[in-house]
Amino acid sequence: MLWIIAHTEIFFPLLFGGLILVVEIGFRMRRASPNIDEERQSLVESARDELSVLLGLLLGFSLPMALPHYEHRNELLVEETNVIATVEQRAQMLPEPLRGKIILSLREYVDARIDFDKAEVDEQAMLHSVEHAEKVQNEMVEETAAAVQQNPNSLTSLFIQALGGMRDLIEQRLAAELKRIPSVIWTVHLSISVLTAFVVGYSMRRRLLLAMIALPLAVAIVLALVSELDNPRTGFVREGQQSMLRLHQDLQGTPSQ
């Protein structure tokens, strides 16, 4: 179910069409029970209104759940880009041949982080890119540590300090990418949506196209937007990768020798 929810090009029409079908089923069941007096009709409409309010509250709380996750992932991307840029700036002050080795390693590291962003929902590809980035980062630490042992100075100390922040951001970004709205919450949203759509159809005395479309369309739009924010790798709302791509271009233009 989560795979379908993550792909809004499938989730939106499926949810919209499914809810319209549920409304139609409710309406046909109402037509099959014509002997409903005004008191029972009043109870059905009361249940419809209460369910609509409950559904509105659930949809209202769903956006604040997804939006902070989306913003946090973008903030971590920008923060990681800034940390890598700081490492590159401090690497320029290192003596040769260490400076050339670090610049080449940084290019490989940024390539691995871009692969991480391009992995979409393939968790194995994400983990592979993380392992690659950690390997490159460890190589830079080992090369710098060897240089410090041979010729300790304040420049290498500043560089190691900047280099240490990269590993933390690798783990933070991986944790942020794997953090999603739990499936039980999606189940509750969809269950209340289906129940509300059925009662809406059952409360209709005659078929009204607007009444049959309005609720399914509103629910499908809101839940599709929540899915977009919660799964920015698969939908139309994507994480901004411009900062990392600009850094990649800058590093490609930086001489390594």
C-alpha atoms as a PDB file:
ATOM      1  CA  MET A   1       0.000   0.000   0.000  1.00  0.00           C
ATOM      2  CA  LEU A   2       2.806   2.414   0.881  1.00  0.00           C
ATOM      3  CA  TRP A   3       4.338   1.968  -2.583  1.00  0.00           C
ATOM      4  CA  ILE A   4       1.085   3.116  -4.215  1.00  0.00           C
ATOM      5  CA  ILE A   5       0.749   6.043  -1.796  1.00  0.00           C
ATOM      6  CA  ALA A   6       4.310   7.134  -2.565  1.00  0.00           C
ATOM      7  CA  HIS A   7       3.519   7.397  -6.296  1.00  0.00           C
ATOM      8  CA  THR A   8       0.887  10.118  -6.541  1.00  0.00           C
ATOM      9  CA  GLU A   9       0.421   9.636 -10.292  1.00  0.00           C
ATOM     10  CA  ILE A  10      -1.164   6.310  -9.307  1.00  0.00           C
ATOM     11  CA  PHE A  11      -2.466   7.174  -5.847  1.00  0.00           C
ATOM     12  CA  PHE A  12      -4.485  10.279  -6.800  1.00  0.00           C
ATOM     13  CA  PRO A  13      -6.652   8.796  -9.606  1.00  0.00           C
ATOM     14  CA  LEU A  14      -7.026   5.510  -7.724  1.00  0.00           C
ATOM     15  CA  LEU A  15      -8.219   7.275  -4.568  1.00  0.00           C
ATOM     16  CA  PHE A  16     -10.447   9.708  -6.452  1.00  0.00           C
ATOM     17  CA  GLY A  17     -12.106   6.984  -8.522  1.00  0.00           C
ATOM     18  CA  GLY A  18     -12.383   4.648  -5.543  1.00  0.00           C
ATOM     19  CA  LEU A  19     -14.145   7.218  -3.372  1.00  0.00           C
ATOM     20  CA  ILE A  20     -16.585   8.088  -6.175  1.00  0.00           C
ATOM     21  CA  LEU A  21     -17.349   4.374  -6.444  1.00  0.00           C
ATOM     22  CA  VAL A  22     -17.972   4.192  -2.673  1.00  0.00           C
ATOM     23  CA  VAL A  23     -20.347   7.175  -2.895  1.00  0.00           C
ATOM     24  CA  GLU A  24     -22.195   5.424  -5.716  1.00  0.00           C
ATOM     25  CA  ILE A  25     -22.432   2.209  -3.685  1.00  0.00           C
ATOM     26  CA  GLY A  26     -23.866   4.155  -0.761  1.00  0.00           C
ATOM     27  CA  PHE A  27     -26.406   5.849  -3.025  1.00  0.00           C
ATOM     28  CA  ARG A  28     -27.514   2.555  -4.577  1.00  0.00           C
ATOM     29  CA  MET A  29     -27.936   0.977  -1.160  1.00  0.00           C
ATOM     30  CA  ARG A  30     -30.096   3.948  -0.216  1.00  0.00           C
ATOM     31  CA  ARG A  31     -32.241   3.416  -3.318  1.00  0.00           C
ATOM     32  CA  ALA A  32     -32.582  -0.237  -2.370  1.00  0.00           C
ATOM     33  CA  SER A  33     -34.057   0.897   0.976  1.00  0.00           C
ATOM     34  CA  PRO A  34     -36.748   3.411  -0.037  1.00  0.00           C
ATOM     35  CA  ASN A  35     -38.768   3.114   3.189  1.00  0.00           C
ATOM     36  CA  ILE A  36     -36.592   5.433   5.264  1.00  0.00           C
ATOM     37  CA  ASP A  37     -38.650   7.868   7.304  1.00  0.00           C
ATOM     38  CA  GLU A  38     -37.606  11.417   8.173  1.00  0.00           C
ATOM     39  CA  GLU A  39     -36.252  10.417  11.576  1.00  0.00           C
ATOM     40  CA  ARG A  40     -33.866   7.856  10.081  1.00  0.00           C
ATOM     41  CA  GLN A  41     -32.906  10.295   7.335  1.00  0.00           C
ATOM     42  CA  SER A  42     -32.072  12.861   9.999  1.00  0.00           C
ATOM     43  CA  LEU A  43     -29.850  10.347  11.797  1.00  0.00           C
ATOM     44  CA  VAL A  44     -28.034   9.465   8.581  1.00  0.00           C
ATOM     45  CA  GLU A  45     -27.413  13.132   7.762  1.00  0.00           C
ATOM     46  CA  SER A  46     -26.221  13.755  11.318  1.00  0.00           C
ATOM     47  CA  ALA A  47     -23.738  10.884  10.976  1.00  0.00           C
ATOM     48  CA  ARG A  48     -22.625  12.284   7.601  1.00  0.00           C
ATOM     49  CA  ASP A  49     -21.980  15.725   9.084  1.00  0.00           C
ATOM     50  CA  GLU A  50     -20.075  14.344  12.075  1.00  0.00           C
ATOM     51  CA  LEU A  51     -17.918  12.132   9.877  1.00  0.00           C
ATOM     52  CA  SER A  52     -17.214  15.065   7.564  1.00  0.00           C
ATOM     53  CA  VAL A  53     -16.010  17.148  10.515  1.00  0.00           C
ATOM     54  CA  LEU A  54     -13.820  14.281  11.754  1.00  0.00           C
ATOM     55  CA  LEU A  55     -12.379  13.765   8.275  1.00  0.00           C
ATOM     56  CA  GLY A  56     -11.692  17.488   7.966  1.00  0.00           C
ATOM     57  CA  LEU A  57      -9.772  17.457  11.254  1.00  0.00           C
ATOM     58  CA  LEU A  58      -7.723  14.446  10.172  1.00  0.00           C
ATOM     59  CA  LEU A  59      -6.858  16.048   6.843  1.00  0.00           C
ATOM     60  CA  GLY A  60      -6.023  19.296   8.625  1.00  0.00           C
ATOM     61  CA  PHE A  61      -3.539  17.521  10.896  1.00  0.00           C
ATOM     62  CA  SER A  62      -1.979  15.489   8.093  1.00  0.00           C
ATOM     63  CA  LEU A  63      -0.292  18.445   6.371  1.00  0.00           C
ATOM     64  CA  PRO A  64       1.568  19.614   9.524  1.00  0.00           C
ATOM     65  CA  MET A  65       2.864  16.053   9.834  1.00  0.00           C
ATOM     66  CA  ALA A  66       4.383  15.938   6.347  1.00  0.00           C
ATOM     67  CA  LEU A  67       5.527  19.531   5.816  1.00  0.00           C
ATOM     68  CA  PRO A  68       8.175  19.619   8.618  1.00  0.00           C
ATOM     69  CA  HIS A  69       9.715  16.405   7.252  1.00  0.00           C
ATOM     70  CA  TYR A  70       9.991  17.975   3.799  1.00  0.00           C
ATOM     71  CA  GLU A  71      11.502  21.199   5.126  1.00  0.00           C
ATOM     72  CA  HIS A  72      13.932  19.314   7.380  1.00  0.00           C
ATOM     73  CA  ARG A  73      15.261  17.264   4.463  1.00  0.00           C
ATOM     74  CA  ASN A  74      15.878  20.420   2.426  1.00  0.00           C
ATOM     75  CA  GLU A  75      17.595  22.117   5.369  1.00  0.00           C
ATOM     76  CA  LEU A  76      19.912  19.140   5.843  1.00  0.00           C
ATOM     77  CA  LEU A  77      20.798  19.181   2.140  1.00  0.00           C
ATOM     78  CA  VAL A  78      21.769  22.849   2.296  1.00  0.00           C
ATOM     79  CA  GLU A  79      23.677  22.297   5.543  1.00  0.00           C
ATOM     80  CA  GLU A  80      25.629  19.399   4.064  1.00  0.00           C
ATOM     81  CA  THR A  81      26.466  21.465   0.987  1.00  0.00           C
ATOM     82  CA  ASN A  82      27.806  24.247   3.205  1.00  0.00           C
ATOM     83  CA  VAL A  83      29.912  21.799   5.220  1.00  0.00           C
ATOM     84  CA  ILE A  84      31.433  20.306   2.064  1.00  0.00           C
ATOM     85  CA  ALA A  85      32.134  23.799   0.735  1.00  0.00           C
ATOM     86  CA  THR A  86      33.906  24.649   3.993  1.00  0.00           C
ATOM     87  CA  VAL A  87      36.010  21.491   3.699  1.00  0.00           C
ATOM     88  CA  GLU A  88      36.929  22.448   0.129  1.00  0.00           C
ATOM     89  CA  GLN A  89      37.938  25.976   1.174  1.00  0.00           C
ATOM     90  CA  ARG A  90      40.148  24.688   3.968  1.00  0.00           C
ATOM     91  CA  ALA A  91      41.612  22.042   1.690  1.00  0.00           C
ATOM     92  CA  GLN A  92      42.918  24.849  -0.531  1.00  0.00           C
ATOM     93  CA  MET A  93      45.254  25.855   2.330  1.00  0.00           C
ATOM     94  CA  LEU A  94      46.803  22.394   2.651  1.00  0.00           C
ATOM     95  CA  PRO A  95      50.250  21.677   1.223  1.00  0.00           C
ATOM     96  CA  GLU A  96      50.781  19.514  -1.834  1.00  0.00           C
ATOM     97  CA  PRO A  97      50.418  16.631  -2.530  1.00  0.00           C
ATOM     98  CA  LEU A  98      47.745  16.382   0.190  1.00  0.00           C
ATOM     99  CA  ARG A  99      45.741  19.241  -1.301  1.00  0.00           C
ATOM    100  CA  GLY A 100      45.428  17.538  -4.712  1.00  0.00           C
ATOM    101  CA  LYS A 101      44.405  14.214  -3.150  1.00  0.00           C
ATOM    102  CA  ILE A 102      41.723  15.859  -1.010  1.00  0.00           C
ATOM    103  CA  ILE A 103      40.240  17.814  -3.922  1.00  0.00           C
ATOM    104  CA  LEU A 104      39.958  14.615  -5.991  1.00  0.00           C
ATOM    105  CA  SER A 105      38.399  12.803  -3.041  1.00  0.00           C
ATOM    106  CA  LEU A 106      35.893  15.625  -2.523  1.00  0.00           C
ATOM    107  CA  ARG A 107      34.790  15.355  -6.143  1.00  0.00           C
ATOM    108  CA  GLU A 108      34.184  11.629  -5.664  1.00  0.00           C
ATOM    109  CA  TYR A 109      32.405  12.332  -2.375  1.00  0.00           C
ATOM    110  CA  VAL A 110      30.026  14.860  -3.953  1.00  0.00           C
ATOM    111  CA  ASP A 111      29.326  12.415  -6.795  1.00  0.00           C
ATOM    112  CA  ALA A 112      28.308   9.840  -4.165  1.00  0.00           C
ATOM    113  CA  ARG A 113      26.010  12.343  -2.447  1.00  0.00           C
ATOM    114  CA  ILE A 114      24.372  13.241  -5.758  1.00  0.00           C
ATOM    115  CA  ASP A 115      23.837   9.516  -6.381  1.00  0.00           C
ATOM    116  CA  PHE A 116      22.143   9.418  -2.966  1.00  0.00           C
ATOM    117  CA  ASP A 117      19.721  12.133  -4.072  1.00  0.00           C
ATOM    118  CA  LYS A 118      19.025  10.340  -7.367  1.00  0.00           C
ATOM    119  CA  ALA A 119      18.304   6.987  -5.716  1.00  0.00           C
ATOM    120  CA  GLU A 120      14.594   7.864  -5.272  1.00  0.00           C
ATOM    121  CA  VAL A 121      12.867   5.070  -3.312  1.00  0.00           C
ATOM    122  CA  ASP A 122      15.529   2.407  -3.953  1.00  0.00           C
ATOM    123  CA  GLU A 123      16.759   1.909  -0.395  1.00  0.00           C
ATOM    124  CA  GLN A 124      19.589  -0.383  -1.502  1.00  0.00           C
ATOM    125  CA  ALA A 125      20.897   2.268  -3.899  1.00  0.00           C
ATOM    126  CA  MET A 126      20.687   4.864  -1.124  1.00  0.00           C
ATOM    127  CA  LEU A 127      22.653   2.653   1.270  1.00  0.00           C
ATOM    128  CA  HIS A 128      25.233   1.884  -1.431  1.00  0.00           C
ATOM    129  CA  SER A 129      25.802   5.608  -2.042  1.00  0.00           C
ATOM    130  CA  VAL A 130      26.091   6.174   1.718  1.00  0.00           C
ATOM    131  CA  GLU A 131      28.702   3.419   2.000  1.00  0.00           C
ATOM    132  CA  HIS A 132      30.619   4.939  -0.908  1.00  0.00           C
ATOM    133  CA  ALA A 133      30.565   8.406   0.680  1.00  0.00           C
ATOM    134  CA  GLU A 134      31.683   7.032   4.064  1.00  0.00           C
ATOM    135  CA  LYS A 135      34.534   5.144   2.384  1.00  0.00           C
ATOM    136  CA  VAL A 136      35.757   8.310   0.631  1.00  0.00           C
ATOM    137  CA  GLN A 137      35.414  10.295   3.844  1.00  0.00           C
ATOM    138  CA  ASN A 138      37.461   7.702   5.750  1.00  0.00           C
ATOM    139  CA  GLU A 139      40.160   7.857   3.075  1.00  0.00           C
ATOM    140  CA  MET A 140      40.373  11.640   3.462  1.00  0.00           C
ATOM    141  CA  VAL A 141      40.677  11.270   7.241  1.00  0.00           C
ATOM    142  CA  GLU A 142      43.444   8.669   6.888  1.00  0.00           C
ATOM    143  CA  GLU A 143      45.372  10.796   4.385  1.00  0.00           C
ATOM    144  CA  THR A 144      45.071  13.865   6.595  1.00  0.00           C
ATOM    145  CA  ALA A 145      46.034  11.929   9.726  1.00  0.00           C
ATOM    146  CA  ALA A 146      49.164  10.634   7.993  1.00  0.00           C
ATOM    147  CA  ALA A 147      50.076  14.178   6.960  1.00  0.00           C
ATOM    148  CA  VAL A 148      49.527  15.455  10.519  1.00  0.00           C
ATOM    149  CA  GLN A 149      51.886  12.815  11.913  1.00  0.00           C
ATOM    150  CA  GLN A 150      54.584  13.872   9.488  1.00  0.00           C
ATOM    151  CA  ASN A 151      54.093  17.619   9.828  1.00  0.00           C
ATOM    152  CA  PRO A 152      51.548  18.742  12.460  1.00  0.00           C
ATOM    153  CA  ASN A 153      50.250  22.298  12.031  1.00  0.00           C
ATOM    154  CA  SER A 154      47.173  24.422  12.680  1.00  0.00           C
ATOM    155  CA  LEU A 155      45.937  24.229   9.065  1.00  0.00           C
ATOM    156  CA  THR A 156      45.479  20.458   9.140  1.00  0.00           C
ATOM    157  CA  SER A 157      43.757  20.721  12.523  1.00  0.00           C
ATOM    158  CA  LEU A 158      41.196  23.156  11.081  1.00  0.00           C
ATOM    159  CA  PHE A 159      40.691  20.898   8.098  1.00  0.00           C
ATOM    160  CA  ILE A 160      40.095  17.793  10.252  1.00  0.00           C
ATOM    161  CA  GLN A 161      37.583  19.753  12.316  1.00  0.00           C
ATOM    162  CA  ALA A 162      35.580  20.615   9.181  1.00  0.00           C
ATOM    163  CA  LEU A 163      35.948  17.092   7.828  1.00  0.00           C
ATOM    164  CA  GLY A 164      34.400  15.585  10.963  1.00  0.00           C
ATOM    165  CA  GLY A 165      31.041  17.251  10.342  1.00  0.00           C
ATOM    166  CA  MET A 166      30.476  15.411   7.056  1.00  0.00           C
ATOM    167  CA  ARG A 167      29.863  11.961   8.589  1.00  0.00           C
ATOM    168  CA  ASP A 168      27.224  13.297  10.988  1.00  0.00           C
ATOM    169  CA  LEU A 169      25.283  14.813   8.095  1.00  0.00           C
ATOM    170  CA  ILE A 170      25.433  11.545   6.147  1.00  0.00           C
ATOM    171  CA  GLU A 171      23.593   9.785   8.970  1.00  0.00           C
ATOM    172  CA  GLN A 172      21.191  12.662   9.565  1.00  0.00           C
ATOM    173  CA  ARG A 173      20.158  12.839   5.919  1.00  0.00           C
ATOM    174  CA  LEU A 174      19.732   9.063   5.685  1.00  0.00           C
ATOM    175  CA  ALA A 175      17.522   9.057   8.800  1.00  0.00           C
ATOM    176  CA  ALA A 176      15.477  11.981   7.437  1.00  0.00           C
ATOM    177  CA  GLU A 177      14.963  10.245   4.074  1.00  0.00           C
ATOM    178  CA  LEU A 178      13.758   7.034   5.727  1.00  0.00           C
ATOM    179  CA  LYS A 179      11.382   8.880   8.061  1.00  0.00           C
ATOM    180  CA  ARG A 180       7.834   8.657   6.714  1.00  0.00           C
ATOM    181  CA  ILE A 181       4.261   8.962   7.959  1.00  0.00           C
ATOM    182  CA  PRO A 182       3.478   5.532   9.521  1.00  0.00           C
ATOM    183  CA  SER A 183       1.263   3.147   7.573  1.00  0.00           C
ATOM    184  CA  VAL A 184      -1.250   2.988  10.444  1.00  0.00           C
ATOM    185  CA  ILE A 185      -1.954   6.716  10.027  1.00  0.00           C
ATOM    186  CA  TRP A 186      -2.523   6.269   6.299  1.00  0.00           C
ATOM    187  CA  THR A 187      -4.875   3.381   7.114  1.00  0.00           C
ATOM    188  CA  VAL A 188      -6.902   5.588   9.470  1.00  0.00           C
ATOM    189  CA  HIS A 189      -7.112   8.405   6.904  1.00  0.00           C
ATOM    190  CA  LEU A 190      -8.238   6.092   4.138  1.00  0.00           C
ATOM    191  CA  SER A 191     -10.711   4.221   6.353  1.00  0.00           C
ATOM    192  CA  ILE A 192     -12.423   7.415   7.558  1.00  0.00           C
ATOM    193  CA  SER A 193     -12.452   8.733   3.981  1.00  0.00           C
ATOM    194  CA  VAL A 194     -14.167   5.583   2.688  1.00  0.00           C
ATOM    195  CA  LEU A 195     -16.678   5.557   5.551  1.00  0.00           C
ATOM    196  CA  THR A 196     -17.512   9.238   5.029  1.00  0.00           C
ATOM    197  CA  ALA A 197     -17.911   8.750   1.259  1.00  0.00           C
ATOM    198  CA  PHE A 198     -20.283   5.830   1.851  1.00  0.00           C
ATOM    199  CA  VAL A 199     -22.463   7.793   4.300  1.00  0.00           C
ATOM    200  CA  VAL A 200     -22.523  10.772   1.922  1.00  0.00           C
ATOM    201  CA  GLY A 201     -23.866   8.512  -0.817  1.00  0.00           C
ATOM    202  CA  TYR A 202     -26.336   6.838   1.526  1.00  0.00           C
ATOM    203  CA  SER A 203     -27.704  10.206   2.680  1.00  0.00           C
ATOM    204  CA  MET A 204     -28.511  11.370  -0.887  1.00  0.00           C
ATOM    205  CA  ARG A 205     -32.205  11.203  -1.815  1.00  0.00           C
ATOM    206  CA  ARG A 206     -31.340  11.569  -5.488  1.00  0.00           C
ATOM    207  CA  ARG A 207     -28.165  11.480  -7.536  1.00  0.00           C
ATOM    208  CA  LEU A 208     -26.330  14.828  -7.590  1.00  0.00           C
ATOM    209  CA  LEU A 209     -23.108  14.897  -9.593  1.00  0.00           C
ATOM    210  CA  LEU A 210     -21.551  17.748  -7.595  1.00  0.00           C
ATOM    211  CA  ALA A 211     -22.286  16.050  -4.283  1.00  0.00           C
ATOM    212  CA  MET A 212     -20.793  12.802  -5.550  1.00  0.00           C
ATOM    213  CA  ILE A 213     -17.574  14.427  -6.794  1.00  0.00           C
ATOM    214  CA  ALA A 214     -16.867  17.174  -4.238  1.00  0.00           C
ATOM    215  CA  LEU A 215     -15.820  15.018  -1.273  1.00  0.00           C
ATOM    216  CA  PRO A 216     -13.737  12.463  -3.240  1.00  0.00           C
ATOM    217  CA  LEU A 217     -11.946  15.231  -5.123  1.00  0.00           C
ATOM    218  CA  ALA A 218     -11.155  17.237  -1.970  1.00  0.00           C
ATOM    219  CA  VAL A 219      -9.885  14.181  -0.094  1.00  0.00           C
ATOM    220  CA  ALA A 220      -7.818  12.976  -3.056  1.00  0.00           C
ATOM    221  CA  ILE A 221      -6.177  16.404  -3.507  1.00  0.00           C
ATOM    222  CA  VAL A 222      -5.247  16.781   0.165  1.00  0.00           C
ATOM    223  CA  LEU A 223      -3.944  13.236   0.634  1.00  0.00           C
ATOM    224  CA  ALA A 224      -2.024  13.413  -2.648  1.00  0.00           C
ATOM    225  CA  LEU A 225      -0.361  16.627  -1.457  1.00  0.00           C
ATOM    226  CA  VAL A 226       0.538  14.968   1.844  1.00  0.00           C
ATOM    227  CA  SER A 227       2.024  12.060  -0.090  1.00  0.00           C
ATOM    228  CA  GLU A 228       4.035  14.460  -2.269  1.00  0.00           C
ATOM    229  CA  LEU A 229       5.544  16.166   0.779  1.00  0.00           C
ATOM    230  CA  ASP A 230       6.179  12.866   2.553  1.00  0.00           C
ATOM    231  CA  ASN A 231       7.756  11.227  -0.517  1.00  0.00           C
ATOM    232  CA  PRO A 232       9.621  13.984  -2.392  1.00  0.00           C
ATOM    233  CA  ARG A 233      11.762  11.465  -4.291  1.00  0.00           C
ATOM    234  CA  THR A 234       8.864   9.943  -6.257  1.00  0.00           C
ATOM    235  CA  GLY A 235       6.287  12.669  -6.844  1.00  0.00           C
ATOM    236  CA  PHE A 236       6.089  16.006  -8.623  1.00  0.00           C
ATOM    237  CA  VAL A 237       7.258  18.020  -5.585  1.00  0.00           C
ATOM    238  CA  ARG A 238      10.988  17.310  -5.480  1.00  0.00           C
ATOM    239  CA  GLU A 239      13.689  18.288  -3.021  1.00  0.00           C
ATOM    240  CA  GLY A 240      15.796  21.209  -4.216  1.00  0.00           C
ATOM    241  CA  GLN A 241      19.212  19.813  -5.204  1.00  0.00           C
ATOM    242  CA  GLN A 242      20.484  22.971  -6.839  1.00  0.00           C
ATOM    243  CA  SER A 243      22.949  23.787  -4.043  1.00  0.00           C
ATOM    244  CA  MET A 244      24.657  20.383  -4.265  1.00  0.00           C
ATOM    245  CA  LEU A 245      24.739  20.532  -8.071  1.00  0.00           C
ATOM    246  CA  ARG A 246      26.310  24.011  -7.971  1.00  0.00           C
ATOM    247  CA  LEU A 247      28.930  22.720  -5.557  1.00  0.00           C
ATOM    248  CA  HIS A 248      29.604  19.821  -7.916  1.00  0.00           C
ATOM    249  CA  GLN A 249      30.210  22.251 -10.787  1.00  0.00           C
ATOM    250  CA  ASP A 250      32.498  24.399  -8.617  1.00  0.00           C
ATOM    251  CA  LEU A 251      34.569  21.383  -7.599  1.00  0.00           C
ATOM    252  CA  GLN A 252      34.903  20.236 -11.205  1.00  0.00           C
ATOM    253  CA  GLY A 253      36.400  23.631 -11.995  1.00  0.00           C
ATOM    254  CA  THR A 254      38.790  23.525  -9.043  1.00  0.00           C
ATOM    255  CA  PRO A 255      42.346  22.495 -10.018  1.00  0.00           C
ATOM    256  CA  SER A 256      43.541  19.399  -8.158  1.00  0.00           C
ATOM    257  CA  GLN A 257      47.212  19.958  -8.772  1.00  0.00           C
END
